[in-house]
């Protein structure tokens, strides 16, 4: 890749305006005129314009990477604004892609921003990624992570990865030509619902800025051919202790896509592989079964009947309960549920609820395994209650 960019950079020139814009790069011997031309000759595909994708795309644009592809199919929500700095309050309800492209082109009009307003799927991923030098994954779901990895391996491109949760983050460069790939580290996805998303578990708003900036740094190092990229290393970051540590990663000779005898030669069904939809919440096996579900309207009717045998259990954490809760609910956090099952009567009809219905489905399965049978999950959680029953209830 470095040699290819050297050749491409020979046909690149910088205008007087670009020389002034990138002057702090040009006076560094590690970058210089040749390095800045490499950046201009390079192309990077950024998947997602959220918490990680915002700083990633912003810094690559400011650095002068010549062509940046942006993939996103979401719309801006108020809950995004705490961390997704490409999007501003007036953008709420707008296409994230439109919002991102406007901001990036304003940062640096010399950079070609190529928008792809679509989900990144097995059907289009190869066609989208084929013409880019580097893939940078800024998504927050396992199907897209495995998809980005497999595309990178099959196309022989580096995959600059990061992930975040609450106060912790990790980053690496998965490049099968020189080291392990994502599947070497994670051969199988976690069971659906086992790992909470940022929507369920939360994230410190500053954290994706830190990890997305690390991703941008790794991309620039790869383009310039300087330093020691995070190939074969996993950087772990803890914001609470402000500490980092690096773990060495080994290439797995049994890896199904980059090992000695690969069995994956084309893209697969990643939603089926991970058991969750791309970009969606993590469902459990029973969430599609209507027997275990109750809608917000149905629950409102049942609560209005004042049935003493109906028990509503809120499995969120206490600080979430303080934000908003349904009148008549009883708080038993999911982490406390195994030790507090004795407080529940299996003869009662128990309705479980959380923020969006994911954790409460896990609670339902816990109780079901323990012998409870009269169980329901509030579909959509307290968000559905706010949408369908109580419009004054805050959503978070």
Protein backbone atom coordinates (compact mmCIF):
# COMPACT_ATOMS: atom_id res chain seq x y z
CA UNK A 1 0.00 0.00 0.00
CA UNK A 2 2.79 2.44 0.91
CA UNK A 3 4.59 1.89 -2.40
CA UNK A 4 1.36 2.36 -4.33
CA UNK A 5 0.76 5.69 -2.58
CA UNK A 6 4.33 6.80 -3.28
CA UNK A 7 3.71 6.23 -6.98
CA UNK A 8 0.34 7.96 -6.86
CA UNK A 9 1.78 10.88 -4.90
CA UNK A 10 4.24 11.58 -7.71
CA UNK A 11 1.36 12.77 -9.85
CA UNK A 12 -0.15 14.94 -7.10
CA UNK A 13 0.46 18.65 -6.60
CA UNK A 14 -0.51 21.03 -3.80
CA UNK A 15 -1.91 24.49 -4.41
CA UNK A 16 -0.58 27.51 -2.56
CA UNK A 17 -3.71 27.43 -0.41
CA UNK A 18 -3.10 23.77 0.47
CA UNK A 19 0.54 24.45 1.29
CA UNK A 20 -0.58 27.14 3.72
CA UNK A 21 -3.36 24.94 5.12
CA UNK A 22 -1.03 21.99 5.76
CA UNK A 23 2.03 24.02 6.74
CA UNK A 24 2.28 22.42 10.21
CA UNK A 25 2.51 19.06 8.49
CA UNK A 26 4.96 20.20 5.86
CA UNK A 27 7.55 21.41 8.36
CA UNK A 28 7.64 17.99 10.04
CA UNK A 29 10.30 15.77 8.42
CA UNK A 30 8.15 12.68 9.07
CA UNK A 31 5.45 14.17 6.81
CA UNK A 32 6.90 16.89 4.60
CA UNK A 33 5.77 17.60 1.06
CA UNK A 34 5.98 13.97 -0.01
CA UNK A 35 3.91 12.80 2.96
CA UNK A 36 1.22 15.42 2.36
CA UNK A 37 1.01 14.33 -1.24
CA UNK A 38 0.56 10.73 -0.03
CA UNK A 39 -2.34 11.89 2.11
CA UNK A 40 -3.88 13.67 -0.87
CA UNK A 41 -3.43 10.57 -3.04
CA UNK A 42 -5.01 8.27 -0.44
CA UNK A 43 -8.61 7.19 -0.02
CA UNK A 44 -10.36 6.01 3.15
CA UNK A 45 -13.80 4.49 3.65
CA UNK A 46 -15.41 5.52 6.95
CA UNK A 47 -18.31 3.31 8.01
CA UNK A 48 -20.62 5.32 10.22
CA UNK A 49 -20.76 8.99 11.26
CA UNK A 50 -21.62 8.46 14.92
CA UNK A 51 -19.52 8.73 18.05
CA UNK A 52 -16.41 7.17 16.52
CA UNK A 53 -17.05 8.19 12.94
CA UNK A 54 -17.41 11.90 13.76
CA UNK A 55 -13.86 12.59 15.02
CA UNK A 56 -12.43 10.00 12.63
CA UNK A 57 -13.88 11.69 9.54
CA UNK A 58 -13.26 15.21 10.84
CA UNK A 59 -9.54 14.66 11.48
CA UNK A 60 -8.98 12.77 8.23
CA UNK A 61 -10.67 15.60 6.37
CA UNK A 62 -8.62 18.23 8.18
CA UNK A 63 -5.44 16.24 7.53
CA UNK A 64 -6.06 16.36 3.78
CA UNK A 65 -6.84 12.74 2.91
CA UNK A 66 -7.78 13.12 -0.75
CA UNK A 67 -10.95 11.02 -0.95
CA UNK A 68 -13.14 9.96 1.97
CA UNK A 69 -16.14 7.70 1.55
CA UNK A 70 -18.87 8.04 4.18
CA UNK A 71 -21.47 5.31 4.76
CA UNK A 72 -24.52 5.97 6.94
CA UNK A 73 -28.24 5.40 6.79
CA UNK A 74 -29.40 6.84 10.12
CA UNK A 75 -31.01 10.10 11.14
CA UNK A 76 -29.80 12.50 13.83
CA UNK A 77 -31.44 12.01 17.23
CA UNK A 78 -31.20 14.22 20.32
CA UNK A 79 -29.42 11.39 22.14
CA UNK A 80 -26.62 11.54 19.53
CA UNK A 81 -25.62 15.12 20.33
CA UNK A 82 -23.79 14.25 23.57
CA UNK A 83 -20.96 12.58 21.60
CA UNK A 84 -21.48 12.75 17.80
CA UNK A 85 -19.89 16.12 17.16
CA UNK A 86 -20.46 16.15 13.41
CA UNK A 87 -24.14 16.74 14.17
CA UNK A 88 -25.61 19.85 15.81
CA UNK A 89 -28.95 20.63 17.43
CA UNK A 90 -30.55 22.00 14.22
CA UNK A 91 -29.66 18.68 12.53
CA UNK A 92 -32.02 16.60 14.71
CA UNK A 93 -34.32 14.66 12.40
CA UNK A 94 -32.06 15.15 9.37
CA UNK A 95 -30.09 12.49 7.57
CA UNK A 96 -26.79 11.87 9.34
CA UNK A 97 -25.10 11.54 5.99
CA UNK A 98 -26.34 14.92 4.79
CA UNK A 99 -25.33 16.52 8.07
CA UNK A 100 -21.88 14.91 8.00
CA UNK A 101 -21.10 15.75 4.39
CA UNK A 102 -22.00 19.43 4.94
CA UNK A 103 -19.68 19.71 7.96
CA UNK A 104 -16.79 17.83 6.34
CA UNK A 105 -16.88 19.85 3.16
CA UNK A 106 -16.88 23.02 5.26
CA UNK A 107 -13.81 21.79 7.17
CA UNK A 108 -11.80 21.21 4.00
CA UNK A 109 -13.19 21.86 0.50
CA UNK A 110 -10.04 20.34 -1.01
CA UNK A 111 -11.11 16.84 0.06
CA UNK A 112 -13.51 14.77 -2.02
CA UNK A 113 -16.31 13.50 0.23
CA UNK A 114 -18.20 10.57 -1.33
CA UNK A 115 -21.55 9.84 0.36
CA UNK A 116 -23.23 6.41 0.52
CA UNK A 117 -26.67 6.77 2.07
CA UNK A 118 -27.24 3.06 2.64
CA UNK A 119 -26.72 0.32 5.15
CA UNK A 120 -23.33 -1.36 4.75
CA UNK A 121 -24.38 -4.94 3.93
CA UNK A 122 -23.02 -8.10 2.36
CA UNK A 123 -24.82 -7.14 -0.85
CA UNK A 124 -23.04 -3.81 -1.39
CA UNK A 125 -19.93 -3.85 0.82
CA UNK A 126 -17.45 -5.18 -1.73
CA UNK A 127 -18.54 -2.71 -4.41
CA UNK A 128 -18.35 0.22 -1.98
CA UNK A 129 -15.01 -0.70 -0.37
CA UNK A 130 -13.14 -1.93 -3.44
CA UNK A 131 -11.80 1.46 -4.54
CA UNK A 132 -10.52 2.62 -1.14
CA UNK A 133 -7.05 2.08 0.33
CA UNK A 134 -8.13 1.74 3.97
CA UNK A 135 -11.37 0.79 5.73
CA UNK A 136 -12.15 2.47 9.06
CA UNK A 137 -14.98 0.89 11.03
CA UNK A 138 -16.82 3.34 13.28
CA UNK A 139 -19.91 1.21 13.89
CA UNK A 140 -21.31 -0.20 17.13
CA UNK A 141 -22.77 -3.57 16.18
CA UNK A 142 -21.22 -6.99 15.69
CA UNK A 143 -22.64 -7.87 12.25
CA UNK A 144 -21.05 -4.80 10.68
CA UNK A 145 -17.76 -5.39 12.52
CA UNK A 146 -17.49 -8.92 11.11
CA UNK A 147 -18.60 -7.66 7.70
CA UNK A 148 -15.98 -4.87 7.69
CA UNK A 149 -13.33 -7.39 8.71
CA UNK A 150 -14.22 -9.91 6.02
CA UNK A 151 -14.37 -7.25 3.31
CA UNK A 152 -10.94 -6.00 4.39
CA UNK A 153 -9.41 -9.49 4.33
CA UNK A 154 -10.94 -10.46 0.99
CA UNK A 155 -9.83 -7.18 -0.60
CA UNK A 156 -6.41 -7.19 1.09
CA UNK A 157 -6.93 -3.84 2.85
CA UNK A 158 -6.23 -2.66 6.43
CA UNK A 159 -9.23 -2.38 8.76
CA UNK A 160 -8.78 0.33 11.39
CA UNK A 161 -11.03 -0.69 14.28
CA UNK A 162 -12.28 0.83 17.52
CA UNK A 163 -15.08 0.05 19.96
CA UNK A 164 -16.36 1.75 23.11
CA UNK A 165 -18.56 1.06 26.12
CA UNK A 166 -19.25 3.30 29.11
CA UNK A 167 -15.71 4.41 30.15
CA UNK A 168 -13.63 1.90 28.21
CA UNK A 169 -12.46 1.60 24.65
CA UNK A 170 -10.19 -0.47 22.45
CA UNK A 171 -8.49 0.02 19.11
CA UNK A 172 -6.45 -2.01 16.67
CA UNK A 173 -5.49 -2.32 13.02
CA UNK A 174 -6.57 -5.63 11.53
CA UNK A 175 -4.50 -6.27 8.41
CA UNK A 176 -4.37 -9.92 7.41
CA UNK A 177 -1.38 -9.41 5.11
CA UNK A 178 0.80 -8.44 8.07
CA UNK A 179 -1.02 -9.67 11.20
CA UNK A 180 -4.24 -11.02 12.66
CA UNK A 181 -7.75 -10.07 11.63
CA UNK A 182 -10.80 -9.38 13.80
CA UNK A 183 -11.87 -13.02 13.59
CA UNK A 184 -8.50 -14.08 15.01
CA UNK A 185 -9.36 -12.09 18.14
CA UNK A 186 -13.09 -12.88 18.18
CA UNK A 187 -13.76 -16.16 16.32
CA UNK A 188 -17.43 -16.13 17.32
CA UNK A 189 -19.79 -13.25 18.15
CA UNK A 190 -21.18 -13.07 21.69
CA UNK A 191 -24.66 -14.53 22.26
CA UNK A 192 -27.39 -12.06 21.25
CA UNK A 193 -28.10 -9.66 24.10
CA UNK A 194 -25.02 -10.72 26.07
CA UNK A 195 -23.06 -7.51 25.39
CA UNK A 196 -25.11 -4.34 25.95
CA UNK A 197 -24.95 -1.68 23.28
CA UNK A 198 -24.09 1.91 24.12
CA UNK A 199 -27.83 2.61 23.85
CA UNK A 200 -28.44 0.15 26.69
CA UNK A 201 -25.31 0.59 28.81
CA UNK A 202 -24.39 4.19 28.07
CA UNK A 203 -21.10 5.79 27.10
CA UNK A 204 -19.11 8.77 28.34
CA UNK A 205 -19.58 11.36 25.60
CA UNK A 206 -15.87 12.18 25.41
CA UNK A 207 -14.77 8.55 25.02
CA UNK A 208 -15.64 8.05 21.32
CA UNK A 209 -13.79 11.29 20.62
CA UNK A 210 -10.64 9.79 22.09
CA UNK A 211 -10.97 6.44 20.31
CA UNK A 212 -12.07 7.96 17.01
CA UNK A 213 -9.01 10.22 17.12
CA UNK A 214 -6.83 7.17 17.72
CA UNK A 215 -8.39 5.60 14.63
CA UNK A 216 -7.60 8.71 12.59
CA UNK A 217 -4.02 8.62 13.88
CA UNK A 218 -3.60 5.00 12.80
CA UNK A 219 -5.03 5.76 9.36
CA UNK A 220 -2.60 8.63 8.85
CA UNK A 221 0.35 6.49 10.04
CA UNK A 222 -0.59 3.77 7.56
CA UNK A 223 -0.80 6.25 4.69
CA UNK A 224 2.50 7.93 5.55
CA UNK A 225 4.26 4.66 6.36
CA UNK A 226 5.59 6.01 9.66
CA UNK A 227 5.68 4.81 13.26
CA UNK A 228 4.41 1.48 14.49
CA UNK A 229 0.77 0.89 13.57
CA UNK A 230 -1.46 -1.15 15.86
CA UNK A 231 -1.13 -4.21 13.63
CA UNK A 232 -0.99 -7.26 15.91
CA UNK A 233 -1.70 -5.12 18.97
CA UNK A 234 -4.89 -4.22 20.83
CA UNK A 235 -4.87 -0.89 22.65
CA UNK A 236 -7.10 -0.87 25.76
CA UNK A 237 -8.12 2.45 27.31
CA UNK A 238 -9.83 3.18 30.65
CA UNK A 239 -11.05 6.75 31.03
CA UNK A 240 -11.73 6.42 34.76
CA UNK A 241 -8.10 5.67 35.56
CA UNK A 242 -6.76 7.43 32.44
CA UNK A 243 -4.68 4.35 31.76
CA UNK A 244 -3.78 2.42 28.64
CA UNK A 245 -2.26 -0.97 28.04
CA UNK A 246 -1.40 -2.83 24.88
CA UNK A 247 -2.02 -6.53 24.35
CA UNK A 248 -0.13 -8.47 21.70
CA UNK A 249 -2.36 -10.35 19.27
CA UNK A 250 -1.40 -13.49 17.38
CA UNK A 251 -2.62 -14.57 13.99
CA UNK A 252 -4.82 -17.64 14.38
CA UNK A 253 -3.68 -20.35 11.93
CA UNK A 254 -7.20 -21.83 12.19
CA UNK A 255 -8.92 -18.53 11.35
CA UNK A 256 -11.70 -19.29 8.86
CA UNK A 257 -10.87 -16.30 6.65
CA UNK A 258 -7.17 -15.45 7.07
CA UNK A 259 -5.78 -18.74 8.43
CA UNK A 260 -3.77 -21.43 6.70
CA UNK A 261 -6.85 -23.18 5.29
CA UNK A 262 -9.58 -20.54 5.00
CA UNK A 263 -13.16 -21.68 4.61
CA UNK A 264 -14.70 -18.23 4.04
CA UNK A 265 -14.11 -17.07 0.47
CA UNK A 266 -17.06 -14.70 0.08
CA UNK A 267 -19.30 -12.59 2.27
CA UNK A 268 -21.90 -14.40 4.39
CA UNK A 269 -25.19 -13.54 6.10
CA UNK A 270 -23.89 -11.50 9.03
CA UNK A 271 -27.26 -10.96 10.66
CA UNK A 272 -27.75 -14.72 10.83
CA UNK A 273 -24.13 -15.26 11.98
CA UNK A 274 -24.51 -12.79 14.88
CA UNK A 275 -28.21 -13.36 15.55
CA UNK A 276 -28.96 -9.62 15.38
CA UNK A 277 -29.90 -7.18 12.61
CA UNK A 278 -27.23 -4.84 11.24
CA UNK A 279 -27.50 -1.55 13.11
CA UNK A 280 -30.33 -2.83 15.31
CA UNK A 281 -30.80 -3.70 18.96
CA UNK A 282 -29.74 -7.15 20.05
CA UNK A 283 -32.81 -9.33 20.34
CA UNK A 284 -33.01 -12.64 22.17
CA UNK A 285 -34.37 -15.82 20.70
CA UNK A 286 -37.80 -15.32 22.27
CA UNK A 287 -38.37 -11.68 21.33
CA UNK A 288 -40.02 -12.70 18.08
CA UNK A 289 -42.49 -14.91 19.98
CA UNK A 290 -45.67 -12.94 20.72
CA UNK A 291 -46.45 -15.21 23.66
CA UNK A 292 -43.84 -13.39 25.74
CA UNK A 293 -44.66 -9.85 24.63
CA UNK A 294 -47.10 -7.17 25.77
CA UNK A 295 -47.51 -3.77 24.12
CA UNK A 296 -47.58 -0.45 25.96
CA UNK A 297 -51.29 -0.03 25.18
CA UNK A 298 -52.06 -3.53 26.45
CA UNK A 299 -50.11 -2.90 29.64
CA UNK A 300 -51.91 0.41 30.19
CA UNK A 301 -55.26 -1.39 29.94
CA UNK A 302 -54.17 -4.14 32.32
CA UNK A 303 -52.82 -1.67 34.88
CA UNK A 304 -56.11 0.24 34.68
CA UNK A 305 -57.95 -2.89 35.74
CA UNK A 306 -56.01 -2.87 39.05
CA UNK A 307 -55.44 -6.62 38.94
CA UNK A 308 -53.58 -7.50 42.18
CA UNK A 309 -51.99 -10.49 40.44
CA UNK A 310 -50.30 -8.30 37.82
CA UNK A 311 -46.78 -7.27 38.89
CA UNK A 312 -44.68 -4.81 36.87
CA UNK A 313 -40.93 -5.18 37.42
CA UNK A 314 -38.49 -2.53 36.16
CA UNK A 315 -35.04 -4.11 35.66
CA UNK A 316 -33.12 -0.92 34.89
CA UNK A 317 -30.53 0.59 37.20
CA UNK A 318 -31.55 3.00 40.00
CA UNK A 319 -30.13 6.08 38.25
CA UNK A 320 -32.33 5.29 35.22
CA UNK A 321 -35.37 4.87 37.48
CA UNK A 322 -34.71 8.40 38.75
CA UNK A 323 -35.02 9.78 35.21
CA UNK A 324 -38.43 8.25 34.56
CA UNK A 325 -40.51 5.26 35.60
CA UNK A 326 -43.99 3.85 35.13
CA UNK A 327 -46.29 4.41 38.08
CA UNK A 328 -46.92 1.17 39.91
CA UNK A 329 -43.67 -0.47 38.77
CA UNK A 330 -41.25 -2.07 41.21
CA UNK A 331 -37.51 -1.68 40.76
CA UNK A 332 -35.35 -4.82 40.74
CA UNK A 333 -32.20 -4.16 38.67
CA UNK A 334 -31.22 -6.95 36.32
CA UNK A 335 -27.92 -7.48 38.16
CA UNK A 336 -29.84 -8.05 41.40
CA UNK A 337 -32.52 -10.30 39.95
CA UNK A 338 -30.83 -13.70 40.49
CA UNK A 339 -30.48 -12.97 44.23
CA UNK A 340 -33.98 -11.49 44.56
CA UNK A 341 -36.10 -14.04 42.71
CA UNK A 342 -37.44 -15.19 46.09
CA UNK A 343 -39.26 -11.83 46.32
CA UNK A 344 -41.44 -12.79 43.37
CA UNK A 345 -44.47 -15.09 43.38
CA UNK A 346 -44.65 -17.46 40.40
CA UNK A 347 -48.45 -17.42 40.69
CA UNK A 348 -48.51 -13.75 39.67
CA UNK A 349 -48.41 -12.52 36.09
CA UNK A 350 -45.07 -10.70 35.91
CA UNK A 351 -44.43 -8.01 33.31
CA UNK A 352 -40.78 -7.03 32.90
CA UNK A 353 -39.64 -3.74 31.44
CA UNK A 354 -36.45 -1.79 30.84
CA UNK A 355 -35.47 1.06 28.54
CA UNK A 356 -36.08 -0.59 25.14
CA UNK A 357 -36.97 -4.19 25.93
CA UNK A 358 -33.55 -5.84 25.62
CA UNK A 359 -32.55 -6.20 29.27
CA UNK A 360 -36.09 -7.08 30.31
CA UNK A 361 -36.06 -9.95 27.79
CA UNK A 362 -32.90 -11.23 29.46
CA UNK A 363 -34.69 -10.96 32.80
CA UNK A 364 -37.64 -12.90 31.37
CA UNK A 365 -35.33 -15.70 30.27
CA UNK A 366 -33.68 -15.79 33.71
CA UNK A 367 -37.06 -16.16 35.41
CA UNK A 368 -38.23 -18.65 32.83
CA UNK A 369 -35.18 -20.82 33.44
CA UNK A 370 -35.93 -20.62 37.16
CA UNK A 371 -39.42 -22.02 36.65
CA UNK A 372 -41.58 -18.90 36.28
CA UNK A 373 -44.12 -19.26 33.49
CA UNK A 374 -46.54 -16.31 33.68
CA UNK A 375 -44.17 -13.77 32.13
CA UNK A 376 -44.42 -10.89 29.68
CA UNK A 377 -41.89 -8.45 28.27
CA UNK A 378 -42.93 -4.84 27.58
CA UNK A 379 -42.16 -4.50 23.89
CA UNK A 380 -40.04 -1.42 23.31
CA UNK A 381 -39.63 -0.81 27.04
CA UNK A 382 -40.23 2.55 28.65
CA UNK A 383 -39.53 4.22 25.29
CA UNK A 384 -42.66 2.59 23.89
CA UNK A 385 -44.59 3.72 26.97
CA UNK A 386 -43.45 7.30 26.35
CA UNK A 387 -44.36 7.08 22.65
CA UNK A 388 -47.73 5.36 22.99
CA UNK A 389 -49.08 6.14 26.47
CA UNK A 390 -47.43 9.07 28.26
CA UNK A 391 -46.04 11.74 25.93
CA UNK A 392 -44.83 13.76 28.94
CA UNK A 393 -42.43 11.02 30.01
CA UNK A 394 -38.83 11.91 29.12
CA UNK A 395 -36.91 9.58 26.79
CA UNK A 396 -33.18 9.11 27.26
